[in-house]
């Protein structure tokens, strides 16, 4: 099974990056629109606007496997900040299902994993490292 590890890691990286990218596109372009409908585009120079830029750029970098460790570090930090500033309160900090912060916490850990694991197979980082 160990010989498949780089490929499964690449699958995790590509899917996580794609889903993260969609969070950014939803903020600016309302695509994809959630089942509750769109909320309009967020202002570019707001907390959500900066977050959307990070999600789009970071999602693309993660999908491509380009600067994966650095992108993973930044995205992990963004999601940790999202969890602690947006979702968690003193009363429910350890209850992500209650404060609706499950996704932020999970993204934070997945992106932190990329910092230590690297990108896996099918990554541009692998091509750059061979030069």
N, C-alpha and C. Protein backbone atom coordinates (compact mmCIF):
# COMPACT_ATOMS: atom_id res chain seq x y z
N UNK A 1 0.83 -1.20 0.00
CA UNK A 1 0.00 0.00 0.00
C UNK A 1 0.87 1.26 0.00
N UNK A 2 2.05 1.21 0.58
CA UNK A 2 2.90 2.40 0.67
C UNK A 2 3.26 2.98 -0.69
N UNK A 3 3.33 2.13 -1.70
CA UNK A 3 3.71 2.64 -3.02
C UNK A 3 2.64 3.56 -3.62
N UNK A 4 1.41 3.49 -3.10
CA UNK A 4 0.33 4.34 -3.58
C UNK A 4 0.20 5.64 -2.80
N UNK A 5 0.96 5.80 -1.74
CA UNK A 5 0.86 6.98 -0.88
C UNK A 5 0.99 8.30 -1.65
N UNK A 6 1.99 8.46 -2.54
CA UNK A 6 2.09 9.74 -3.25
C UNK A 6 0.86 10.05 -4.13
N UNK A 7 0.22 9.01 -4.64
CA UNK A 7 -0.94 9.22 -5.50
C UNK A 7 -2.19 9.58 -4.69
N UNK A 8 -2.35 8.95 -3.54
CA UNK A 8 -3.47 9.29 -2.67
C UNK A 8 -3.28 10.69 -2.09
N UNK A 9 -2.04 11.03 -1.76
CA UNK A 9 -1.75 12.39 -1.29
C UNK A 9 -2.06 13.41 -2.38
N UNK A 10 -1.73 13.10 -3.62
CA UNK A 10 -2.04 14.00 -4.73
C UNK A 10 -3.55 14.15 -4.89
N UNK A 11 -4.29 13.06 -4.74
CA UNK A 11 -5.75 13.13 -4.82
C UNK A 11 -6.31 14.04 -3.72
N UNK A 12 -5.82 13.87 -2.50
CA UNK A 12 -6.24 14.73 -1.39
C UNK A 12 -5.91 16.18 -1.69
N UNK A 13 -4.70 16.44 -2.16
CA UNK A 13 -4.26 17.80 -2.46
C UNK A 13 -5.13 18.44 -3.54
N UNK A 14 -5.38 17.73 -4.62
CA UNK A 14 -6.14 18.29 -5.74
C UNK A 14 -7.60 18.54 -5.34
N UNK A 15 -8.21 17.59 -4.68
CA UNK A 15 -9.62 17.75 -4.28
C UNK A 15 -9.77 18.84 -3.23
N UNK A 16 -8.89 18.86 -2.23
CA UNK A 16 -8.96 19.90 -1.20
C UNK A 16 -8.73 21.28 -1.82
N UNK A 17 -7.76 21.38 -2.73
CA UNK A 17 -7.50 22.66 -3.40
C UNK A 17 -8.68 23.11 -4.23
N UNK A 18 -9.30 22.18 -4.93
CA UNK A 18 -10.47 22.52 -5.76
C UNK A 18 -11.63 23.01 -4.90
N UNK A 19 -11.91 22.30 -3.83
CA UNK A 19 -13.02 22.70 -2.96
C UNK A 19 -12.73 24.06 -2.31
N UNK A 20 -11.47 24.30 -1.95
CA UNK A 20 -11.09 25.57 -1.35
C UNK A 20 -11.21 26.70 -2.37
N UNK A 21 -10.79 26.44 -3.60
CA UNK A 21 -10.92 27.42 -4.67
C UNK A 21 -12.39 27.83 -4.84
N UNK A 22 -13.30 26.88 -4.75
CA UNK A 22 -14.72 27.18 -4.91
C UNK A 22 -15.25 28.10 -3.82
N UNK A 23 -14.65 28.05 -2.62
CA UNK A 23 -15.03 29.00 -1.57
C UNK A 23 -14.70 30.42 -2.00
N UNK A 24 -13.56 30.60 -2.63
CA UNK A 24 -13.17 31.92 -3.11
C UNK A 24 -14.03 32.40 -4.26
N UNK A 25 -14.30 31.52 -5.23
CA UNK A 25 -15.13 31.93 -6.36
C UNK A 25 -16.56 32.24 -5.92
N UNK A 26 -17.03 31.55 -4.91
CA UNK A 26 -18.38 31.82 -4.39
C UNK A 26 -18.44 33.22 -3.77
N UNK A 27 -17.34 33.65 -3.16
CA UNK A 27 -17.32 34.97 -2.53
C UNK A 27 -17.37 36.10 -3.56
N UNK A 28 -16.69 35.92 -4.70
CA UNK A 28 -16.60 37.01 -5.67
C UNK A 28 -17.56 36.88 -6.84
N UNK A 29 -17.79 35.67 -7.29
CA UNK A 29 -18.55 35.46 -8.52
C UNK A 29 -19.88 34.76 -8.28
N UNK A 30 -20.16 34.45 -7.01
CA UNK A 30 -21.35 33.70 -6.64
C UNK A 30 -21.46 32.40 -7.42
N UNK A 31 -20.31 31.80 -7.68
CA UNK A 31 -20.27 30.48 -8.33
C UNK A 31 -19.37 29.57 -7.53
N UNK A 32 -19.84 28.44 -7.13
CA UNK A 32 -21.22 27.97 -7.27
C UNK A 32 -22.12 28.63 -6.22
N UNK A 33 -23.37 28.83 -6.59
CA UNK A 33 -24.33 29.42 -5.66
C UNK A 33 -24.78 28.32 -4.72
N UNK A 34 -24.81 28.64 -3.44
CA UNK A 34 -25.25 27.64 -2.46
C UNK A 34 -26.75 27.42 -2.58
N UNK A 35 -27.23 26.41 -1.89
CA UNK A 35 -28.66 26.10 -1.93
C UNK A 35 -29.49 27.22 -1.31
N UNK A 36 -28.86 28.03 -0.46
CA UNK A 36 -29.59 29.14 0.17
C UNK A 36 -29.56 30.39 -0.71
N UNK A 37 -28.90 30.31 -1.86
CA UNK A 37 -28.83 31.44 -2.77
C UNK A 37 -27.57 32.26 -2.54
N UNK A 38 -27.33 33.19 -3.43
CA UNK A 38 -26.14 34.03 -3.34
C UNK A 38 -26.36 35.19 -2.38
N UNK A 39 -25.27 35.70 -1.86
CA UNK A 39 -25.33 36.85 -0.96
C UNK A 39 -24.75 38.09 -1.61
N UNK A 40 -24.46 38.04 -2.87
CA UNK A 40 -23.79 39.15 -3.53
C UNK A 40 -22.29 39.04 -3.35
N UNK A 41 -21.59 39.70 -4.21
CA UNK A 41 -20.14 39.68 -4.15
C UNK A 41 -19.67 40.45 -2.92
N UNK A 42 -18.61 39.93 -2.28
CA UNK A 42 -18.07 40.61 -1.10
C UNK A 42 -17.15 41.74 -1.55
N UNK A 43 -17.03 42.79 -0.74
CA UNK A 43 -16.09 43.87 -1.08
C UNK A 43 -14.65 43.34 -1.08
N UNK A 44 -13.88 43.75 -2.08
CA UNK A 44 -12.52 43.26 -2.25
C UNK A 44 -11.65 43.55 -1.03
N UNK A 45 -11.73 44.73 -0.48
CA UNK A 45 -10.87 45.11 0.63
C UNK A 45 -11.57 44.97 1.98
N UNK A 46 -12.28 43.88 2.14
CA UNK A 46 -12.88 43.52 3.42
C UNK A 46 -12.19 42.26 3.91
N UNK A 47 -12.49 41.85 5.13
CA UNK A 47 -11.91 40.62 5.66
C UNK A 47 -12.29 39.43 4.78
N UNK A 48 -13.54 39.38 4.33
CA UNK A 48 -13.99 38.28 3.48
C UNK A 48 -13.39 38.39 2.07
N UNK A 49 -13.19 39.61 1.60
CA UNK A 49 -12.58 39.81 0.29
C UNK A 49 -11.13 39.33 0.26
N UNK A 50 -10.36 39.70 1.29
CA UNK A 50 -8.97 39.24 1.38
C UNK A 50 -8.95 37.72 1.52
N UNK A 51 -9.87 37.19 2.32
CA UNK A 51 -9.97 35.73 2.46
C UNK A 51 -10.27 35.06 1.12
N UNK A 52 -11.16 35.68 0.33
CA UNK A 52 -11.49 35.13 -0.98
C UNK A 52 -10.30 35.11 -1.93
N UNK A 53 -9.51 36.17 -1.89
CA UNK A 53 -8.30 36.21 -2.72
C UNK A 53 -7.35 35.09 -2.31
N UNK A 54 -7.15 34.93 -1.01
CA UNK A 54 -6.27 33.87 -0.51
C UNK A 54 -6.81 32.51 -0.92
N UNK A 55 -8.13 32.33 -0.86
CA UNK A 55 -8.74 31.04 -1.23
C UNK A 55 -8.55 30.74 -2.71
N UNK A 56 -8.71 31.74 -3.56
CA UNK A 56 -8.55 31.52 -5.01
C UNK A 56 -7.09 31.23 -5.35
N UNK A 57 -6.19 32.11 -4.93
CA UNK A 57 -4.77 31.93 -5.25
C UNK A 57 -4.23 30.66 -4.59
N UNK A 58 -4.53 30.49 -3.31
CA UNK A 58 -4.05 29.31 -2.59
C UNK A 58 -4.63 28.02 -3.14
N UNK A 59 -5.91 28.04 -3.49
CA UNK A 59 -6.54 26.85 -4.06
C UNK A 59 -5.88 26.44 -5.36
N UNK A 60 -5.58 27.42 -6.21
CA UNK A 60 -4.91 27.13 -7.48
C UNK A 60 -3.51 26.57 -7.24
N UNK A 61 -2.77 27.18 -6.32
CA UNK A 61 -1.42 26.68 -6.02
C UNK A 61 -1.46 25.25 -5.49
N UNK A 62 -2.41 24.97 -4.62
CA UNK A 62 -2.53 23.62 -4.06
C UNK A 62 -2.90 22.62 -5.15
N UNK A 63 -3.85 22.97 -6.01
CA UNK A 63 -4.24 22.08 -7.10
C UNK A 63 -3.03 21.75 -7.98
N UNK A 64 -2.27 22.78 -8.34
CA UNK A 64 -1.11 22.59 -9.21
C UNK A 64 0.07 21.94 -8.49
N UNK A 65 0.04 21.95 -7.17
CA UNK A 65 1.18 21.44 -6.42
C UNK A 65 2.38 22.36 -6.56
N UNK A 66 2.13 23.65 -6.59
CA UNK A 66 3.17 24.66 -6.77
C UNK A 66 3.33 25.43 -5.46
N UNK A 67 4.55 25.46 -4.94
CA UNK A 67 4.81 26.07 -3.63
C UNK A 67 3.87 25.49 -2.57
N UNK A 68 3.70 24.19 -2.61
CA UNK A 68 2.70 23.51 -1.79
C UNK A 68 2.92 23.72 -0.30
N UNK A 69 4.14 23.61 0.15
CA UNK A 69 4.40 23.76 1.59
C UNK A 69 4.10 25.18 2.06
N UNK A 70 4.53 26.18 1.31
CA UNK A 70 4.27 27.57 1.68
C UNK A 70 2.78 27.88 1.60
N UNK A 71 2.14 27.46 0.51
CA UNK A 71 0.70 27.68 0.36
C UNK A 71 -0.06 26.97 1.48
N UNK A 72 0.33 25.75 1.79
CA UNK A 72 -0.32 25.01 2.87
C UNK A 72 -0.19 25.72 4.20
N UNK A 73 0.99 26.29 4.46
CA UNK A 73 1.21 27.03 5.72
C UNK A 73 0.28 28.24 5.80
N UNK A 74 0.21 29.00 4.72
CA UNK A 74 -0.64 30.20 4.72
C UNK A 74 -2.12 29.82 4.83
N UNK A 75 -2.54 28.82 4.08
CA UNK A 75 -3.95 28.41 4.11
C UNK A 75 -4.33 27.79 5.44
N UNK A 76 -3.42 27.05 6.04
CA UNK A 76 -3.68 26.48 7.36
C UNK A 76 -3.88 27.60 8.38
N UNK A 77 -3.03 28.61 8.29
CA UNK A 77 -3.18 29.76 9.19
C UNK A 77 -4.47 30.51 8.97
N UNK A 78 -4.83 30.69 7.71
CA UNK A 78 -6.09 31.38 7.41
C UNK A 78 -7.27 30.64 8.02
N UNK A 79 -7.27 29.33 7.90
CA UNK A 79 -8.40 28.55 8.43
C UNK A 79 -8.39 28.49 9.95
N UNK A 80 -7.21 28.52 10.55
CA UNK A 80 -7.14 28.59 12.02
C UNK A 80 -7.71 29.92 12.50
N UNK A 81 -7.34 31.00 11.82
CA UNK A 81 -7.89 32.32 12.16
C UNK A 81 -9.40 32.33 11.96
N UNK A 82 -9.87 31.75 10.85
CA UNK A 82 -11.31 31.69 10.60
C UNK A 82 -12.02 30.94 11.72
N UNK A 83 -11.43 29.84 12.16
CA UNK A 83 -12.06 29.07 13.23
C UNK A 83 -12.15 29.89 14.51
N UNK A 84 -11.03 30.46 14.92
CA UNK A 84 -11.00 31.13 16.22
C UNK A 84 -11.66 32.51 16.21
N UNK A 85 -11.66 33.22 15.09
CA UNK A 85 -12.27 34.55 15.05
C UNK A 85 -13.72 34.54 14.61
N UNK A 86 -14.07 33.64 13.70
CA UNK A 86 -15.43 33.64 13.14
C UNK A 86 -16.34 32.64 13.85
N UNK A 87 -15.83 31.45 14.10
CA UNK A 87 -16.70 30.38 14.58
C UNK A 87 -16.70 30.20 16.09
N UNK A 88 -15.54 30.08 16.68
CA UNK A 88 -15.45 29.68 18.08
C UNK A 88 -15.69 30.86 19.03
N UNK A 89 -16.42 30.57 20.07
CA UNK A 89 -16.56 31.50 21.19
C UNK A 89 -16.01 30.78 22.42
N UNK A 90 -15.88 31.50 23.50
CA UNK A 90 -15.34 30.89 24.72
C UNK A 90 -16.18 29.70 25.16
N UNK A 91 -17.47 29.76 24.92
CA UNK A 91 -18.37 28.70 25.37
C UNK A 91 -18.30 27.44 24.51
N UNK A 92 -17.97 27.60 23.24
CA UNK A 92 -18.02 26.43 22.34
C UNK A 92 -16.72 26.22 21.56
N UNK A 93 -15.61 26.67 22.09
CA UNK A 93 -14.34 26.61 21.36
C UNK A 93 -13.93 25.17 21.00
N UNK A 94 -14.30 24.22 21.83
CA UNK A 94 -13.97 22.81 21.58
C UNK A 94 -15.13 22.03 20.98
N UNK A 95 -16.12 22.73 20.46
CA UNK A 95 -17.31 22.08 19.90
C UNK A 95 -17.55 22.58 18.47
N UNK A 96 -16.71 22.17 17.52
CA UNK A 96 -16.87 22.70 16.16
C UNK A 96 -18.20 22.34 15.51
N UNK A 97 -18.83 21.28 15.92
CA UNK A 97 -20.13 20.95 15.33
C UNK A 97 -21.19 21.95 15.80
N UNK A 98 -21.00 22.50 16.99
CA UNK A 98 -21.94 23.48 17.52
C UNK A 98 -21.69 24.86 16.91
N UNK A 99 -20.42 25.26 16.79
CA UNK A 99 -20.12 26.60 16.29
C UNK A 99 -19.97 26.66 14.76
N UNK A 100 -20.27 25.55 14.09
CA UNK A 100 -20.21 25.46 12.62
C UNK A 100 -18.81 25.71 12.07
N UNK A 101 -17.81 25.35 12.85
CA UNK A 101 -16.43 25.55 12.43
C UNK A 101 -15.73 24.27 12.00
N UNK A 102 -16.49 23.20 11.79
CA UNK A 102 -15.88 21.92 11.42
C UNK A 102 -15.03 22.03 10.16
N UNK A 103 -15.56 22.68 9.14
CA UNK A 103 -14.85 22.76 7.87
C UNK A 103 -13.57 23.58 8.01
N UNK A 104 -13.64 24.69 8.73
CA UNK A 104 -12.44 25.51 8.93
C UNK A 104 -11.37 24.72 9.69
N UNK A 105 -11.77 24.01 10.72
CA UNK A 105 -10.81 23.23 11.50
C UNK A 105 -10.20 22.10 10.66
N UNK A 106 -11.01 21.43 9.89
CA UNK A 106 -10.52 20.34 9.06
C UNK A 106 -9.60 20.85 7.95
N UNK A 107 -10.00 21.93 7.29
CA UNK A 107 -9.12 22.53 6.28
C UNK A 107 -7.78 22.93 6.90
N UNK A 108 -7.82 23.51 8.07
CA UNK A 108 -6.58 23.92 8.73
C UNK A 108 -5.65 22.74 8.93
N UNK A 109 -6.18 21.62 9.35
CA UNK A 109 -5.34 20.43 9.58
C UNK A 109 -4.87 19.81 8.27
N UNK A 110 -5.72 19.77 7.26
CA UNK A 110 -5.32 19.21 5.96
C UNK A 110 -4.20 20.04 5.35
N UNK A 111 -4.34 21.35 5.38
CA UNK A 111 -3.30 22.20 4.80
C UNK A 111 -2.02 22.15 5.64
N UNK A 112 -2.15 22.00 6.94
CA UNK A 112 -0.96 21.84 7.79
C UNK A 112 -0.25 20.53 7.44
N UNK A 113 -1.00 19.50 7.12
CA UNK A 113 -0.41 18.23 6.71
C UNK A 113 0.45 18.40 5.46
N UNK A 114 -0.02 19.21 4.50
CA UNK A 114 0.75 19.45 3.28
C UNK A 114 2.09 20.13 3.57
N UNK A 115 2.13 20.94 4.62
CA UNK A 115 3.39 21.60 5.00
C UNK A 115 4.45 20.55 5.31
N UNK A 116 4.05 19.47 5.95
CA UNK A 116 5.00 18.44 6.38
C UNK A 116 5.15 17.32 5.36
N UNK A 117 4.10 17.03 4.61
CA UNK A 117 4.15 15.89 3.67
C UNK A 117 4.68 16.27 2.30
N UNK A 118 4.49 17.52 1.91
CA UNK A 118 4.78 17.91 0.54
C UNK A 118 3.58 17.60 -0.34
N UNK A 119 3.75 17.74 -1.65
CA UNK A 119 2.59 17.69 -2.53
C UNK A 119 2.15 16.31 -3.01
N UNK A 120 3.01 15.30 -2.92
CA UNK A 120 2.67 14.01 -3.50
C UNK A 120 2.97 14.00 -4.99
N UNK A 121 2.33 13.09 -5.69
CA UNK A 121 2.57 12.93 -7.13
C UNK A 121 1.88 14.04 -7.93
N UNK A 122 2.25 14.14 -9.20
CA UNK A 122 1.60 15.05 -10.15
C UNK A 122 1.64 16.51 -9.71
N UNK A 123 2.75 16.95 -9.14
CA UNK A 123 2.88 18.32 -8.65
C UNK A 123 3.97 19.06 -9.40
N UNK A 124 3.74 20.33 -9.63
CA UNK A 124 4.77 21.15 -10.27
C UNK A 124 6.00 21.30 -9.37
N UNK A 125 5.80 21.21 -8.06
CA UNK A 125 6.94 21.25 -7.14
C UNK A 125 7.96 20.15 -7.47
N UNK A 126 7.46 19.00 -7.88
CA UNK A 126 8.35 17.89 -8.22
C UNK A 126 9.19 18.21 -9.45
N UNK A 127 8.61 18.91 -10.40
CA UNK A 127 9.34 19.30 -11.61
C UNK A 127 10.39 20.37 -11.28
N UNK A 128 10.03 21.31 -10.43
CA UNK A 128 10.96 22.38 -10.05
C UNK A 128 12.11 21.85 -9.21
N UNK A 129 11.84 20.85 -8.40
CA UNK A 129 12.86 20.28 -7.53
C UNK A 129 13.92 19.50 -8.28
N UNK A 130 13.60 19.03 -9.48
CA UNK A 130 14.56 18.22 -10.25
C UNK A 130 15.58 19.05 -10.99
N UNK A 131 15.36 20.36 -11.07
CA UNK A 131 16.29 21.23 -11.79
C UNK A 131 17.48 21.60 -10.93
